[in-house]
Protein backbone atom coordinates (compact mmCIF):
# COMPACT_ATOMS: atom_id res chain seq x y z
CA LYS A 1 8.11 -12.40 16.49
CA ILE A 2 6.79 -15.50 18.25
CA ARG A 3 3.20 -14.36 17.71
CA ARG A 4 3.95 -13.80 14.03
CA ALA A 5 5.49 -17.28 13.78
CA ASP A 6 2.46 -18.79 15.53
CA THR A 7 0.19 -17.03 13.07
CA LEU A 8 2.21 -18.25 10.09
CA VAL A 9 2.17 -21.84 11.33
CA TYR A 10 -1.56 -21.71 12.05
CA CYS A 11 -2.42 -20.16 8.67
CA THR A 12 -0.19 -22.62 6.80
CA GLY A 13 -1.77 -25.63 8.50
CA LYS A 14 -5.30 -24.29 8.07
CA ALA A 15 -4.71 -23.48 4.39
CA PHE A 16 -3.39 -27.04 3.81
CA SER A 17 -6.34 -28.49 5.70
CA ASP A 18 -8.93 -26.44 3.80
CA CYS A 19 -7.70 -27.31 0.29
CA GLN A 20 -10.02 -29.43 -1.83
CA ASN A 21 -9.47 -33.16 -1.80
CA LYS A 22 -11.90 -34.48 -4.39
CA THR A 23 -11.40 -37.23 -6.96
CA LYS A 24 -10.64 -34.80 -9.80
CA LYS A 25 -9.05 -32.18 -7.54
CA PRO A 26 -6.89 -34.01 -4.96
CA TYR A 27 -5.11 -30.81 -4.02
CA LYS A 28 -4.73 -31.49 -0.32
CA THR A 29 -3.22 -34.95 -0.89
CA ILE A 30 -0.86 -33.61 -3.56
CA LEU A 31 0.41 -30.85 -1.27
CA VAL A 32 0.73 -33.11 1.76
CA ASP A 33 2.60 -35.77 -0.22
CA CYS A 34 4.93 -33.28 -1.91
CA TYR A 35 5.65 -30.96 1.00
CA LEU A 36 4.97 -32.86 4.21
CA ASN A 37 5.68 -36.45 3.18
CA ASP A 38 8.65 -35.35 1.03
CA MET A 39 7.58 -37.47 -1.96
CA THR A 40 8.91 -36.62 -5.41
CA ASN A 41 6.56 -35.30 -8.07
CA LEU A 42 7.05 -38.53 -10.01
CA LYS A 43 6.06 -40.70 -7.03
CA VAL A 44 2.95 -38.66 -6.36
CA ALA A 45 1.99 -38.68 -10.05
CA LYS A 46 2.37 -42.46 -10.14
CA LYS A 47 0.33 -42.81 -6.94
CA PHE A 48 -2.60 -41.15 -8.72
CA GLY A 49 -1.88 -42.63 -12.16
CA TYR A 50 -1.31 -39.20 -13.73
CA SER A 51 1.07 -38.28 -16.52
CA ARG A 52 3.78 -35.76 -15.64
CA SER A 53 1.92 -33.11 -17.59
CA ARG A 54 -1.42 -33.70 -15.86
CA PHE A 55 0.24 -33.89 -12.46
CA GLY A 56 2.10 -30.63 -13.13
CA THR A 57 -1.18 -28.89 -13.91
CA LEU A 58 -2.86 -30.29 -10.80
CA LYS A 59 0.08 -29.32 -8.59
CA GLN A 60 0.01 -25.75 -9.93
CA ASP A 61 -3.73 -25.61 -9.27
CA ALA A 62 -3.15 -26.98 -5.76
CA LEU A 63 -0.50 -24.35 -5.07
CA ALA A 64 -2.78 -21.60 -6.40
CA GLU A 65 -5.61 -22.75 -4.13
CA PHE A 66 -3.26 -23.00 -1.13
CA THR A 67 -1.92 -19.51 -1.80
CA GLN A 68 -5.40 -18.02 -2.12
CA ARG A 69 -6.52 -19.65 1.14
CA PHE A 70 -3.29 -18.66 2.93
CA LYS A 71 -3.57 -15.02 1.84
CA LEU A 72 -7.17 -14.84 3.03
CA LEU A 73 -6.27 -16.33 6.40
CA ILE A 74 -3.33 -13.96 6.84
CA GLN A 75 -5.43 -10.96 5.88
CA ASN A 76 -7.99 -11.96 8.50
CA GLN A 77 -5.38 -12.05 11.27
CA SER A 78 -5.25 -8.70 13.02
CA SER A 79 -1.66 -9.08 14.24
CA VAL A 80 -0.08 -9.83 10.88
CA HIS A 81 -0.42 -7.84 7.69
CA TRP A 82 0.03 -9.49 4.31
CA CYS A 83 2.23 -6.65 3.07
CA GLU A 84 4.62 -7.13 5.99
CA LEU A 85 4.92 -10.84 5.24
CA LYS A 86 5.46 -10.24 1.55
CA LYS A 87 8.25 -7.74 2.30
CA GLN A 88 9.87 -10.02 4.86
CA TYR A 89 9.53 -13.40 3.11
CA GLY A 90 8.97 -12.61 -0.55
CA LYS A 91 6.55 -14.70 -2.54
CA VAL A 92 4.92 -17.27 -0.31
CA ALA A 93 4.18 -20.10 -2.74
CA ARG A 94 5.78 -21.04 -6.01
CA GLY A 95 5.61 -24.18 -8.07
């Protein structure tokens, strides 16, 4: 169980780290502000100067990219199988 937890922590951090962080796709900053810095959606939207609607779209895109990267990392880990995680934890990322 500790190895599985280590793998989950590693894959989560790596997936965050690998997300795009470009001017028009600031996915990494959005995810870090929302989930690590505990900022509200409204505060993050204001930080970037986005409307709620535009921010909502970008956040969904950020979560989709994170999920795709996380799944790939998990699938590449020999000690953890994606199906096991899905059964144990349910859906990994939701908006």
